[in-house]
PDB file of N, CA and C in Angstrom:
ATOM      1  N   MET A   1       1.821  19.880   2.542  1.00  0.00           N
ATOM      2  CA  MET A   1       1.545  18.841   1.572  1.00  0.00           C
ATOM      3  C   MET A   1       1.368  19.564   0.247  1.00  0.00           C
ATOM      4  N   LYS A   2       1.832  18.994  -0.867  1.00  0.00           N
ATOM      5  CA  LYS A   2       1.615  19.341  -2.257  1.00  0.00           C
ATOM      6  C   LYS A   2       0.760  18.237  -2.914  1.00  0.00           C
ATOM      7  N   VAL A   3      -0.369  18.841  -3.648  1.00  0.00           N
ATOM      8  CA  VAL A   3      -1.204  17.819  -4.326  1.00  0.00           C
ATOM      9  C   VAL A   3      -1.415  18.357  -5.683  1.00  0.00           C
ATOM     10  N   ALA A   4      -1.113  17.288  -6.766  1.00  0.00           N
ATOM     11  CA  ALA A   4      -1.291  17.528  -8.174  1.00  0.00           C
ATOM     12  C   ALA A   4      -2.738  16.906  -8.686  1.00  0.00           C
ATOM     13  N   VAL A   5      -3.660  17.706  -9.186  1.00  0.00           N
ATOM     14  CA  VAL A   5      -4.942  17.185  -9.678  1.00  0.00           C
ATOM     15  C   VAL A   5      -4.782  17.255 -11.296  1.00  0.00           C
ATOM     16  N   ALA A   6      -5.018  16.005 -11.797  1.00  0.00           N
ATOM     17  CA  ALA A   6      -4.996  16.145 -13.284  1.00  0.00           C
ATOM     18  C   ALA A   6      -6.294  16.702 -13.744  1.00  0.00           C
ATOM     19  N   THR A   7      -6.115  17.617 -14.813  1.00  0.00           N
ATOM     20  CA  THR A   7      -7.217  18.413 -15.438  1.00  0.00           C
ATOM     21  C   THR A   7      -7.066  18.756 -16.869  1.00  0.00           C
ATOM     22  N   ASP A   8      -7.886  18.767 -17.579  1.00  0.00           N
ATOM     23  CA  ASP A   8      -7.728  19.021 -18.894  1.00  0.00           C
ATOM     24  C   ASP A   8      -8.074  20.703 -19.169  1.00  0.00           C
ATOM     25  N   ASP A   9      -9.005  21.143 -18.276  1.00  0.00           N
ATOM     26  CA  ASP A   9      -9.594  22.389 -18.479  1.00  0.00           C
ATOM     27  C   ASP A   9      -9.341  23.328 -17.206  1.00  0.00           C
ATOM     28  N   LYS A  10      -8.741  22.862 -16.214  1.00  0.00           N
ATOM     29  CA  LYS A  10      -8.371  23.568 -14.921  1.00  0.00           C
ATOM     30  C   LYS A  10      -9.455  23.733 -14.067  1.00  0.00           C
ATOM     31  N   VAL A  11     -10.742  22.950 -14.539  1.00  0.00           N
ATOM     32  CA  VAL A  11     -12.055  22.912 -13.745  1.00  0.00           C
ATOM     33  C   VAL A  11     -12.404  21.533 -13.366  1.00  0.00           C
ATOM     34  N   ASN A  12     -12.415  20.785 -14.293  1.00  0.00           N
ATOM     35  CA  ASN A  12     -12.849  19.533 -14.173  1.00  0.00           C
ATOM     36  C   ASN A  12     -11.649  18.174 -14.086  1.00  0.00           C
ATOM     37  N   ILE A  13     -11.773  17.441 -13.359  1.00  0.00           N
ATOM     38  CA  ILE A  13     -10.889  16.297 -13.016  1.00  0.00           C
ATOM     39  C   ILE A  13     -10.785  15.425 -14.601  1.00  0.00           C
ATOM     40  N   SER A  14      -9.473  15.251 -14.893  1.00  0.00           N
ATOM     41  CA  SER A  14      -9.364  14.459 -16.154  1.00  0.00           C
ATOM     42  C   SER A  14      -9.742  12.987 -15.893  1.00  0.00           C
ATOM     43  N   HIS A  15     -10.265  12.351 -16.854  1.00  0.00           N
ATOM     44  CA  HIS A  15     -10.666  11.017 -16.717  1.00  0.00           C
ATOM     45  C   HIS A  15      -9.481  10.000 -16.719  1.00  0.00           C
ATOM     46  N   HIS A  16      -8.391  10.414 -17.318  1.00  0.00           N
ATOM     47  CA  HIS A  16      -7.176   9.498 -17.611  1.00  0.00           C
ATOM     48  C   HIS A  16      -5.892  10.389 -17.347  1.00  0.00           C
ATOM     49  N   PHE A  17      -5.361   9.783 -16.281  1.00  0.00           N
ATOM     50  CA  PHE A  17      -3.924  10.468 -15.783  1.00  0.00           C
ATOM     51  C   PHE A  17      -2.974  10.677 -17.021  1.00  0.00           C
ATOM     52  N   GLY A  18      -2.833   9.485 -17.688  1.00  0.00           N
ATOM     53  CA  GLY A  18      -1.722   9.476 -18.828  1.00  0.00           C
ATOM     54  C   GLY A  18      -2.149  10.640 -20.001  1.00  0.00           C
ATOM     55  N   ARG A  19      -3.418  10.844 -20.045  1.00  0.00           N
ATOM     56  CA  ARG A  19      -3.838  11.628 -21.294  1.00  0.00           C
ATOM     57  C   ARG A  19      -4.090  13.109 -20.707  1.00  0.00           C
ATOM     58  N   THR A  20      -4.045  13.369 -19.513  1.00  0.00           N
ATOM     59  CA  THR A  20      -4.487  14.905 -18.986  1.00  0.00           C
ATOM     60  C   THR A  20      -3.428  15.787 -19.560  1.00  0.00           C
ATOM     61  N   LEU A  21      -3.949  16.965 -19.810  1.00  0.00           N
ATOM     62  CA  LEU A  21      -3.189  17.914 -20.482  1.00  0.00           C
ATOM     63  C   LEU A  21      -2.332  18.661 -19.374  1.00  0.00           C
ATOM     64  N   GLY A  22      -2.674  18.669 -18.155  1.00  0.00           N
ATOM     65  CA  GLY A  22      -1.966  19.407 -17.118  1.00  0.00           C
ATOM     66  C   GLY A  22      -2.423  19.072 -15.635  1.00  0.00           C
ATOM     67  N   PHE A  23      -1.813  19.743 -14.694  1.00  0.00           N
ATOM     68  CA  PHE A  23      -2.095  19.668 -13.378  1.00  0.00           C
ATOM     69  C   PHE A  23      -2.338  20.786 -12.695  1.00  0.00           C
ATOM     70  N   ARG A  24      -3.403  20.982 -11.907  1.00  0.00           N
ATOM     71  CA  ARG A  24      -3.443  22.082 -10.896  1.00  0.00           C
ATOM     72  C   ARG A  24      -2.597  21.609  -9.740  1.00  0.00           C
ATOM     73  N   VAL A  25      -1.657  22.236  -9.176  1.00  0.00           N
ATOM     74  CA  VAL A  25      -0.799  21.939  -7.995  1.00  0.00           C
ATOM     75  C   VAL A  25      -1.061  22.830  -6.851  1.00  0.00           C
ATOM     76  N   PHE A  26      -1.353  22.362  -5.772  1.00  0.00           N
ATOM     77  CA  PHE A  26      -2.010  23.037  -4.584  1.00  0.00           C
ATOM     78  C   PHE A  26      -0.944  22.662  -3.625  1.00  0.00           C
ATOM     79  N   GLU A  27      -0.332  23.770  -2.774  1.00  0.00           N
ATOM     80  CA  GLU A  27       0.217  23.699  -1.503  1.00  0.00           C
ATOM     81  C   GLU A  27      -0.847  23.882  -0.490  1.00  0.00           C
ATOM     82  N   ILE A  28      -0.934  22.883   0.390  1.00  0.00           N
ATOM     83  CA  ILE A  28      -2.047  22.827   1.509  1.00  0.00           C
ATOM     84  C   ILE A  28      -1.208  22.624   2.949  1.00  0.00           C
ATOM     85  N   SER A  29      -1.738  23.472   3.898  1.00  0.00           N
ATOM     86  CA  SER A  29      -1.220  23.396   5.202  1.00  0.00           C
ATOM     87  C   SER A  29      -2.297  23.952   6.144  1.00  0.00           C
ATOM     88  N   SER A  30      -2.495  22.992   7.294  1.00  0.00           N
ATOM     89  CA  SER A  30      -3.552  23.453   8.302  1.00  0.00           C
ATOM     90  C   SER A  30      -4.880  23.827   7.598  1.00  0.00           C
ATOM     91  N   LYS A  31      -5.261  22.920   6.773  1.00  0.00           N
ATOM     92  CA  LYS A  31      -6.715  22.964   5.986  1.00  0.00           C
ATOM     93  C   LYS A  31      -6.677  24.290   5.233  1.00  0.00           C
ATOM     94  N   LYS A  32      -5.537  24.853   4.991  1.00  0.00           N
ATOM     95  CA  LYS A  32      -5.609  26.109   3.912  1.00  0.00           C
ATOM     96  C   LYS A  32      -4.916  25.786   2.793  1.00  0.00           C
ATOM     97  N   ILE A  33      -5.298  26.421   1.552  1.00  0.00           N
ATOM     98  CA  ILE A  33      -4.559  26.565   0.361  1.00  0.00           C
ATOM     99  C   ILE A  33      -3.506  27.492   0.457  1.00  0.00           C
ATOM    100  N   LEU A  34      -2.141  27.234   0.508  1.00  0.00           N
ATOM    101  CA  LEU A  34      -1.326  28.277   0.556  1.00  0.00           C
ATOM    102  C   LEU A  34      -0.801  28.799  -0.799  1.00  0.00           C
ATOM    103  N   ASN A  35      -0.902  28.014  -1.855  1.00  0.00           N
ATOM    104  CA  ASN A  35      -0.393  28.354  -3.065  1.00  0.00           C
ATOM    105  C   ASN A  35      -0.903  27.498  -4.117  1.00  0.00           C
ATOM    106  N   GLU A  36      -1.108  27.982  -5.347  1.00  0.00           N
ATOM    107  CA  GLU A  36      -1.529  26.982  -6.335  1.00  0.00           C
ATOM    108  C   GLU A  36      -0.763  27.421  -7.694  1.00  0.00           C
ATOM    109  N   GLU A  37      -0.595  26.540  -8.654  1.00  0.00           N
ATOM    110  CA  GLU A  37       0.080  26.648  -9.930  1.00  0.00           C
ATOM    111  C   GLU A  37      -0.521  25.735 -10.850  1.00  0.00           C
ATOM    112  N   TYR A  38      -0.352  26.108 -12.063  1.00  0.00           N
ATOM    113  CA  TYR A  38      -0.601  25.162 -13.257  1.00  0.00           C
ATOM    114  C   TYR A  38       0.627  24.513 -13.822  1.00  0.00           C
ATOM    115  N   ARG A  39       0.667  23.129 -14.157  1.00  0.00           N
ATOM    116  CA  ARG A  39       1.859  22.665 -15.071  1.00  0.00           C
ATOM    117  C   ARG A  39       1.346  21.891 -16.036  1.00  0.00           C
ATOM    118  N   GLN A  40       1.781  21.997 -17.225  1.00  0.00           N
ATOM    119  CA  GLN A  40       1.477  21.296 -18.317  1.00  0.00           C
ATOM    120  C   GLN A  40       1.915  19.731 -17.950  1.00  0.00           C
ATOM    121  N   ASN A  41       1.285  18.815 -18.734  1.00  0.00           N
ATOM    122  CA  ASN A  41       1.568  17.465 -18.478  1.00  0.00           C
ATOM    123  C   ASN A  41       2.520  16.939 -19.405  1.00  0.00           C
ATOM    124  N   ILE A  42       4.119  16.942 -19.064  1.00  0.00           N
ATOM    125  CA  ILE A  42       4.983  16.539 -19.909  1.00  0.00           C
ATOM    126  C   ILE A  42       5.128  15.014 -19.923  1.00  0.00           C
ATOM    127  N   GLY A  43       4.983  14.473 -21.223  1.00  0.00           N
ATOM    128  CA  GLY A  43       5.116  13.224 -21.420  1.00  0.00           C
ATOM    129  C   GLY A  43       3.913  12.662 -21.621  1.00  0.00           C
ATOM    130  N   LYS A  44       2.760  13.345 -21.766  1.00  0.00           N
ATOM    131  CA  LYS A  44       1.273  12.576 -21.899  1.00  0.00           C
ATOM    132  C   LYS A  44       1.282  11.901 -23.105  1.00  0.00           C
ATOM    133  N   SER A  45       0.260  10.996 -22.969  1.00  0.00           N
ATOM    134  CA  SER A  45       0.001   9.903 -24.090  1.00  0.00           C
ATOM    135  C   SER A  45      -0.516  10.608 -25.386  1.00  0.00           C
ATOM    136  N   ASN A  46      -0.257  10.079 -26.529  1.00  0.00           N
ATOM    137  CA  ASN A  46      -0.814  10.567 -27.783  1.00  0.00           C
ATOM    138  C   ASN A  46      -2.121   9.878 -28.101  1.00  0.00           C
ATOM    139  N   GLY A  47      -2.689   9.045 -27.101  1.00  0.00           N
ATOM    140  CA  GLY A  47      -3.825   8.299 -27.444  1.00  0.00           C
ATOM    141  C   GLY A  47      -3.696   6.891 -27.679  1.00  0.00           C
ATOM    142  N   GLN A  48      -2.374   6.390 -27.930  1.00  0.00           N
ATOM    143  CA  GLN A  48      -2.068   5.141 -27.944  1.00  0.00           C
ATOM    144  C   GLN A  48      -1.705   4.360 -26.673  1.00  0.00           C
ATOM    145  N   CYS A  49      -2.070   3.171 -26.454  1.00  0.00           N
ATOM    146  CA  CYS A  49      -1.683   2.554 -25.165  1.00  0.00           C
ATOM    147  C   CYS A  49      -0.136   2.464 -25.212  1.00  0.00           C
ATOM    148  N   GLY A  50       0.256   2.819 -24.020  1.00  0.00           N
ATOM    149  CA  GLY A  50       1.873   2.653 -23.824  1.00  0.00           C
ATOM    150  C   GLY A  50       2.651   3.914 -24.291  1.00  0.00           C
ATOM    151  N   SER A  51       1.924   4.819 -24.912  1.00  0.00           N
ATOM    152  CA  SER A  51       2.773   6.054 -25.532  1.00  0.00           C
ATOM    153  C   SER A  51       3.125   7.176 -24.464  1.00  0.00           C
ATOM    154  N   CYS A  52       2.581   7.047 -23.260  1.00  0.00           N
ATOM    155  CA  CYS A  52       2.969   8.034 -22.234  1.00  0.00           C
ATOM    156  C   CYS A  52       4.291   7.752 -21.813  1.00  0.00           C
ATOM    157  N   ASP A  53       5.130   8.716 -21.373  1.00  0.00           N
ATOM    158  CA  ASP A  53       6.432   8.505 -20.840  1.00  0.00           C
ATOM    159  C   ASP A  53       6.253   8.849 -19.199  1.00  0.00           C
ATOM    160  N   HIS A  54       6.081   7.787 -18.539  1.00  0.00           N
ATOM    161  CA  HIS A  54       5.998   7.884 -17.192  1.00  0.00           C
ATOM    162  C   HIS A  54       6.991   8.509 -16.276  1.00  0.00           C
ATOM    163  N   SER A  55       8.201   8.338 -16.704  1.00  0.00           N
ATOM    164  CA  SER A  55       9.363   9.283 -16.036  1.00  0.00           C
ATOM    165  C   SER A  55       9.218  10.684 -16.085  1.00  0.00           C
ATOM    166  N   SER A  56       8.802  11.228 -17.278  1.00  0.00           N
ATOM    167  CA  SER A  56       8.736  12.640 -17.578  1.00  0.00           C
ATOM    168  C   SER A  56       7.496  13.260 -16.771  1.00  0.00           C
ATOM    169  N   MET A  57       6.370  12.395 -16.764  1.00  0.00           N
ATOM    170  CA  MET A  57       5.156  12.706 -16.050  1.00  0.00           C
ATOM    171  C   MET A  57       5.610  12.957 -14.517  1.00  0.00           C
ATOM    172  N   ILE A  58       6.249  11.797 -13.955  1.00  0.00           N
ATOM    173  CA  ILE A  58       6.553  11.694 -12.400  1.00  0.00           C
ATOM    174  C   ILE A  58       7.511  12.953 -12.253  1.00  0.00           C
ATOM    175  N   ASN A  59       8.444  13.057 -13.046  1.00  0.00           N
ATOM    176  CA  ASN A  59       9.334  14.279 -12.878  1.00  0.00           C
ATOM    177  C   ASN A  59       8.704  15.522 -12.704  1.00  0.00           C
ATOM    178  N   ASN A  60       7.756  15.661 -13.380  1.00  0.00           N
ATOM    179  CA  ASN A  60       6.949  16.979 -13.518  1.00  0.00           C
ATOM    180  C   ASN A  60       6.242  17.213 -12.259  1.00  0.00           C
ATOM    181  N   ILE A  61       5.930  16.232 -11.521  1.00  0.00           N
ATOM    182  CA  ILE A  61       5.259  16.342 -10.193  1.00  0.00           C
ATOM    183  C   ILE A  61       5.894  15.797  -9.100  1.00  0.00           C
ATOM    184  N   LYS A  62       7.163  15.429  -9.192  1.00  0.00           N
ATOM    185  CA  LYS A  62       7.949  14.785  -8.166  1.00  0.00           C
ATOM    186  C   LYS A  62       8.041  15.554  -6.702  1.00  0.00           C
ATOM    187  N   ASP A  63       7.653  16.906  -6.731  1.00  0.00           N
ATOM    188  CA  ASP A  63       7.742  17.412  -5.446  1.00  0.00           C
ATOM    189  C   ASP A  63       6.169  17.347  -4.908  1.00  0.00           C
ATOM    190  N   CYS A  64       5.383  16.674  -5.387  1.00  0.00           N
ATOM    191  CA  CYS A  64       4.086  16.430  -4.717  1.00  0.00           C
ATOM    192  C   CYS A  64       4.056  15.113  -3.978  1.00  0.00           C
ATOM    193  N   ASP A  65       3.141  15.220  -2.878  1.00  0.00           N
ATOM    194  CA  ASP A  65       2.875  14.123  -2.084  1.00  0.00           C
ATOM    195  C   ASP A  65       1.762  13.175  -2.609  1.00  0.00           C
ATOM    196  N   LEU A  66       0.890  13.905  -3.395  1.00  0.00           N
ATOM    197  CA  LEU A  66      -0.162  13.244  -3.670  1.00  0.00           C
ATOM    198  C   LEU A  66      -0.847  13.621  -5.021  1.00  0.00           C
ATOM    199  N   VAL A  67      -1.314  12.743  -5.841  1.00  0.00           N
ATOM    200  CA  VAL A  67      -2.013  13.033  -7.130  1.00  0.00           C
ATOM    201  C   VAL A  67      -3.421  12.658  -7.064  1.00  0.00           C
ATOM    202  N   ILE A  68      -4.283  13.245  -7.611  1.00  0.00           N
ATOM    203  CA  ILE A  68      -5.862  12.844  -7.675  1.00  0.00           C
ATOM    204  C   ILE A  68      -6.232  13.079  -9.214  1.00  0.00           C
ATOM    205  N   CYS A  69      -6.979  11.915  -9.527  1.00  0.00           N
ATOM    206  CA  CYS A  69      -7.450  11.673 -10.877  1.00  0.00           C
ATOM    207  C   CYS A  69      -8.735  10.806 -10.720  1.00  0.00           C
ATOM    208  N   TYR A  70      -9.309  10.853 -11.925  1.00  0.00           N
ATOM    209  CA  TYR A  70     -10.565  10.138 -12.082  1.00  0.00           C
ATOM    210  C   TYR A  70     -10.173   8.697 -12.567  1.00  0.00           C
ATOM    211  N   GLY A  71      -9.181   8.557 -13.129  1.00  0.00           N
ATOM    212  CA  GLY A  71      -8.726   7.148 -13.596  1.00  0.00           C
ATOM    213  C   GLY A  71      -7.269   7.061 -14.132  1.00  0.00           C
ATOM    214  N   MET A  72      -6.830   5.828 -13.850  1.00  0.00           N
ATOM    215  CA  MET A  72      -5.355   5.796 -14.318  1.00  0.00           C
ATOM    216  C   MET A  72      -4.976   4.180 -14.423  1.00  0.00           C
ATOM    217  N   GLY A  73      -4.004   3.976 -15.216  1.00  0.00           N
ATOM    218  CA  GLY A  73      -3.752   2.434 -15.428  1.00  0.00           C
ATOM    219  C   GLY A  73      -2.666   2.041 -14.185  1.00  0.00           C
ATOM    220  N   MET A  74      -2.736   0.836 -14.030  1.00  0.00           N
ATOM    221  CA  MET A  74      -1.900   0.151 -12.899  1.00  0.00           C
ATOM    222  C   MET A  74      -0.318   0.449 -13.093  1.00  0.00           C
ATOM    223  N   GLY A  75       0.085   0.728 -14.167  1.00  0.00           N
ATOM    224  CA  GLY A  75       1.436   0.875 -14.503  1.00  0.00           C
ATOM    225  C   GLY A  75       2.002   2.132 -13.878  1.00  0.00           C
ATOM    226  N   ILE A  76       1.238   3.333 -14.188  1.00  0.00           N
ATOM    227  CA  ILE A  76       1.591   4.515 -13.693  1.00  0.00           C
ATOM    228  C   ILE A  76       1.252   4.714 -12.131  1.00  0.00           C
ATOM    229  N   TYR A  77       0.186   4.005 -11.655  1.00  0.00           N
ATOM    230  CA  TYR A  77       0.045   4.006 -10.146  1.00  0.00           C
ATOM    231  C   TYR A  77       1.154   3.375  -9.621  1.00  0.00           C
ATOM    232  N   ASN A  78       1.804   2.032  -9.936  1.00  0.00           N
ATOM    233  CA  ASN A  78       2.865   1.545  -9.479  1.00  0.00           C
ATOM    234  C   ASN A  78       4.100   2.550  -9.336  1.00  0.00           C
ATOM    235  N   ASP A  79       4.282   3.074 -10.517  1.00  0.00           N
ATOM    236  CA  ASP A  79       5.529   4.065 -10.703  1.00  0.00           C
ATOM    237  C   ASP A  79       5.337   5.142  -9.738  1.00  0.00           C
ATOM    238  N   LEU A  80       4.037   5.798  -9.562  1.00  0.00           N
ATOM    239  CA  LEU A  80       3.885   6.903  -8.627  1.00  0.00           C
ATOM    240  C   LEU A  80       4.292   6.227  -7.214  1.00  0.00           C
ATOM    241  N   VAL A  81       3.725   5.250  -6.834  1.00  0.00           N
ATOM    242  CA  VAL A  81       3.935   4.600  -5.618  1.00  0.00           C
ATOM    243  C   VAL A  81       5.473   4.479  -5.259  1.00  0.00           C
ATOM    244  N   ARG A  82       6.199   4.020  -6.336  1.00  0.00           N
ATOM    245  CA  ARG A  82       7.653   3.835  -6.225  1.00  0.00           C
ATOM    246  C   ARG A  82       8.391   5.177  -5.882  1.00  0.00           C
ATOM    247  N   ASN A  83       7.717   6.152  -6.482  1.00  0.00           N
ATOM    248  CA  ASN A  83       8.366   7.422  -6.251  1.00  0.00           C
ATOM    249  C   ASN A  83       7.790   8.123  -5.008  1.00  0.00           C
ATOM    250  N   ASN A  84       7.128   7.583  -4.233  1.00  0.00           N
ATOM    251  CA  ASN A  84       6.473   8.001  -2.995  1.00  0.00           C
ATOM    252  C   ASN A  84       5.521   9.172  -3.066  1.00  0.00           C
ATOM    253  N   ILE A  85       4.603   8.964  -4.137  1.00  0.00           N
ATOM    254  CA  ILE A  85       3.711   9.709  -4.575  1.00  0.00           C
ATOM    255  C   ILE A  85       2.259   9.050  -4.389  1.00  0.00           C
ATOM    256  N   LYS A  86       1.491   9.252  -3.500  1.00  0.00           N
ATOM    257  CA  LYS A  86       0.221   8.616  -3.296  1.00  0.00           C
ATOM    258  C   LYS A  86      -0.739   9.080  -4.361  1.00  0.00           C
ATOM    259  N   ALA A  87      -1.553   8.001  -4.789  1.00  0.00           N
ATOM    260  CA  ALA A  87      -2.532   8.399  -5.798  1.00  0.00           C
ATOM    261  C   ALA A  87      -3.884   8.259  -5.348  1.00  0.00           C
ATOM    262  N   ILE A  88      -4.814   9.079  -5.551  1.00  0.00           N
ATOM    263  CA  ILE A  88      -6.223   8.871  -5.145  1.00  0.00           C
ATOM    264  C   ILE A  88      -6.997   8.751  -6.390  1.00  0.00           C
ATOM    265  N   ILE A  89      -7.797   7.732  -6.687  1.00  0.00           N
ATOM    266  CA  ILE A  89      -8.656   7.859  -7.818  1.00  0.00           C
ATOM    267  C   ILE A  89     -10.100   8.224  -7.093  1.00  0.00           C
ATOM    268  N   THR A  90     -10.754   9.087  -7.738  1.00  0.00           N
ATOM    269  CA  THR A  90     -11.906   9.867  -7.267  1.00  0.00           C
ATOM    270  C   THR A  90     -13.036   9.775  -8.215  1.00  0.00           C
ATOM    271  N   GLU A  91     -14.232   9.894  -7.837  1.00  0.00           N
ATOM    272  CA  GLU A  91     -15.259   9.960  -8.533  1.00  0.00           C
ATOM    273  C   GLU A  91     -15.944  11.497  -8.586  1.00  0.00           C
ATOM    274  N   GLU A  92     -15.239  12.264  -7.884  1.00  0.00           N
ATOM    275  CA  GLU A  92     -15.521  13.736  -7.917  1.00  0.00           C
ATOM    276  C   GLU A  92     -15.197  14.251  -9.198  1.00  0.00           C
ATOM    277  N   VAL A  93     -16.084  15.155  -9.468  1.00  0.00           N
ATOM    278  CA  VAL A  93     -16.038  15.730 -10.993  1.00  0.00           C
ATOM    279  C   VAL A  93     -15.082  17.062 -11.043  1.00  0.00           C
ATOM    280  N   THR A  94     -15.114  17.876 -10.131  1.00  0.00           N
ATOM    281  CA  THR A  94     -14.281  19.065 -10.285  1.00  0.00           C
ATOM    282  C   THR A  94     -13.061  19.080  -9.410  1.00  0.00           C
ATOM    283  N   VAL A  95     -12.059  19.889  -9.730  1.00  0.00           N
ATOM    284  CA  VAL A  95     -10.809  19.951  -9.184  1.00  0.00           C
ATOM    285  C   VAL A  95     -11.049  20.706  -7.663  1.00  0.00           C
ATOM    286  N   ASP A  96     -11.876  21.706  -7.599  1.00  0.00           N
ATOM    287  CA  ASP A  96     -12.074  22.312  -6.460  1.00  0.00           C
ATOM    288  C   ASP A  96     -12.914  21.484  -5.403  1.00  0.00           C
ATOM    289  N   GLY A  97     -13.900  20.628  -6.077  1.00  0.00           N
ATOM    290  CA  GLY A  97     -14.761  19.840  -5.135  1.00  0.00           C
ATOM    291  C   GLY A  97     -13.817  18.715  -4.510  1.00  0.00           C
ATOM    292  N   ALA A  98     -12.829  18.158  -5.272  1.00  0.00           N
ATOM    293  CA  ALA A  98     -11.690  17.241  -4.687  1.00  0.00           C
ATOM    294  C   ALA A  98     -10.977  17.794  -3.736  1.00  0.00           C
ATOM    295  N   ILE A  99     -10.350  18.886  -3.941  1.00  0.00           N
ATOM    296  CA  ILE A  99      -9.471  19.658  -2.949  1.00  0.00           C
ATOM    297  C   ILE A  99     -10.136  19.928  -1.715  1.00  0.00           C
ATOM    298  N   ASN A 100     -11.477  20.256  -1.702  1.00  0.00           N
ATOM    299  CA  ASN A 100     -12.242  20.651  -0.605  1.00  0.00           C
ATOM    300  C   ASN A 100     -12.461  19.486   0.206  1.00  0.00           C
ATOM    301  N   LYS A 101     -12.932  18.279  -0.456  1.00  0.00           N
ATOM    302  CA  LYS A 101     -13.023  16.920   0.440  1.00  0.00           C
ATOM    303  C   LYS A 101     -11.828  16.611   0.899  1.00  0.00           C
ATOM    304  N   LEU A 102     -10.722  16.624   0.263  1.00  0.00           N
ATOM    305  CA  LEU A 102      -9.407  16.319   0.635  1.00  0.00           C
ATOM    306  C   LEU A 102      -8.995  17.017   1.900  1.00  0.00           C
ATOM    307  N   ILE A 103      -9.241  18.408   1.975  1.00  0.00           N
ATOM    308  CA  ILE A 103      -9.088  19.240   3.070  1.00  0.00           C
ATOM    309  C   ILE A 103      -9.725  18.760   4.461  1.00  0.00           C
ATOM    310  N   GLU A 104     -10.983  18.370   3.979  1.00  0.00           N
ATOM    311  CA  GLU A 104     -11.942  17.763   5.192  1.00  0.00           C
ATOM    312  C   GLU A 104     -11.754  16.617   5.494  1.00  0.00           C
ATOM    313  N   ALA A 105     -10.819  15.679   4.829  1.00  0.00           N
ATOM    314  CA  ALA A 105     -10.565  14.268   5.171  1.00  0.00           C
ATOM    315  C   ALA A 105     -11.742  13.502   4.679  1.00  0.00           C
ATOM    316  N   ASP A 106     -12.502  13.944   3.675  1.00  0.00           N
ATOM    317  CA  ASP A 106     -13.649  13.294   3.106  1.00  0.00           C
ATOM    318  C   ASP A 106     -13.550  12.704   1.713  1.00  0.00           C
ATOM    319  N   LEU A 107     -12.245  12.701   1.287  1.00  0.00           N
ATOM    320  CA  LEU A 107     -12.095  12.303  -0.286  1.00  0.00           C
ATOM    321  C   LEU A 107     -12.124  10.812  -0.316  1.00  0.00           C
ATOM    322  N   ILE A 108     -12.938  10.066  -1.003  1.00  0.00           N
ATOM    323  CA  ILE A 108     -12.910   8.555  -0.985  1.00  0.00           C
ATOM    324  C   ILE A 108     -11.945   8.158  -2.281  1.00  0.00           C
ATOM    325  N   ASN A 109     -11.180   7.293  -1.692  1.00  0.00           N
ATOM    326  CA  ASN A 109     -10.199   6.586  -2.824  1.00  0.00           C
ATOM    327  C   ASN A 109     -10.808   5.397  -3.383  1.00  0.00           C
ATOM    328  N   ARG A 110     -11.048   5.426  -4.733  1.00  0.00           N
ATOM    329  CA  ARG A 110     -11.617   4.297  -5.367  1.00  0.00           C
ATOM    330  C   ARG A 110     -10.555   3.473  -6.257  1.00  0.00           C
ATOM    331  N   LEU A 111      -9.626   3.047  -5.478  1.00  0.00           N
ATOM    332  CA  LEU A 111      -8.638   2.071  -6.200  1.00  0.00           C
ATOM    333  C   LEU A 111      -9.146   1.043  -7.049  1.00  0.00           C
ATOM    334  N   ASP A 112     -10.397   0.635  -6.727  1.00  0.00           N
ATOM    335  CA  ASP A 112     -11.065  -0.339  -7.548  1.00  0.00           C
ATOM    336  C   ASP A 112     -11.268   0.112  -8.941  1.00  0.00           C
ATOM    337  N   LYS A 113     -11.093   1.477  -9.375  1.00  0.00           N
ATOM    338  CA  LYS A 113     -11.240   1.956 -10.611  1.00  0.00           C
ATOM    339  C   LYS A 113      -9.901   1.949 -11.472  1.00  0.00           C
ATOM    340  N   LEU A 114      -8.809   1.353 -10.905  1.00  0.00           N
ATOM    341  CA  LEU A 114      -7.677   1.319 -11.584  1.00  0.00           C
ATOM    342  C   LEU A 114      -7.825   0.179 -12.637  1.00  0.00           C
ATOM    343  N   HIS A 115      -7.227   0.516 -13.907  1.00  0.00           N
ATOM    344  CA  HIS A 115      -7.371  -0.438 -14.730  1.00  0.00           C
ATOM    345  C   HIS A 115      -5.807  -0.828 -15.391  1.00  0.00           C
TER     346      HIS A 115
END
């Protein structure tokens, strides 16, 4: 499984998927991290509503099965689902904390936080 975690500083989870600076991408198998890389967020928002390019963002992580973020809009959520990428909205603060909880099947998905 490949997982992209939205992050601005490679440590903390970004508060908004469309504005994140990039993604730490993990390849996970049998509860172990096999590989990790960082990808810049291509198509990110310039701060104005509707300014992000969903197609570019999704193409950048299209090989991922799952994305983790602290928050995102319903539009990008639906676009991810249409592209067979599951989204988890979490209250975890750090990337490593979220990945560890995901590996242990203990990461809570807060879809009520979609906006």
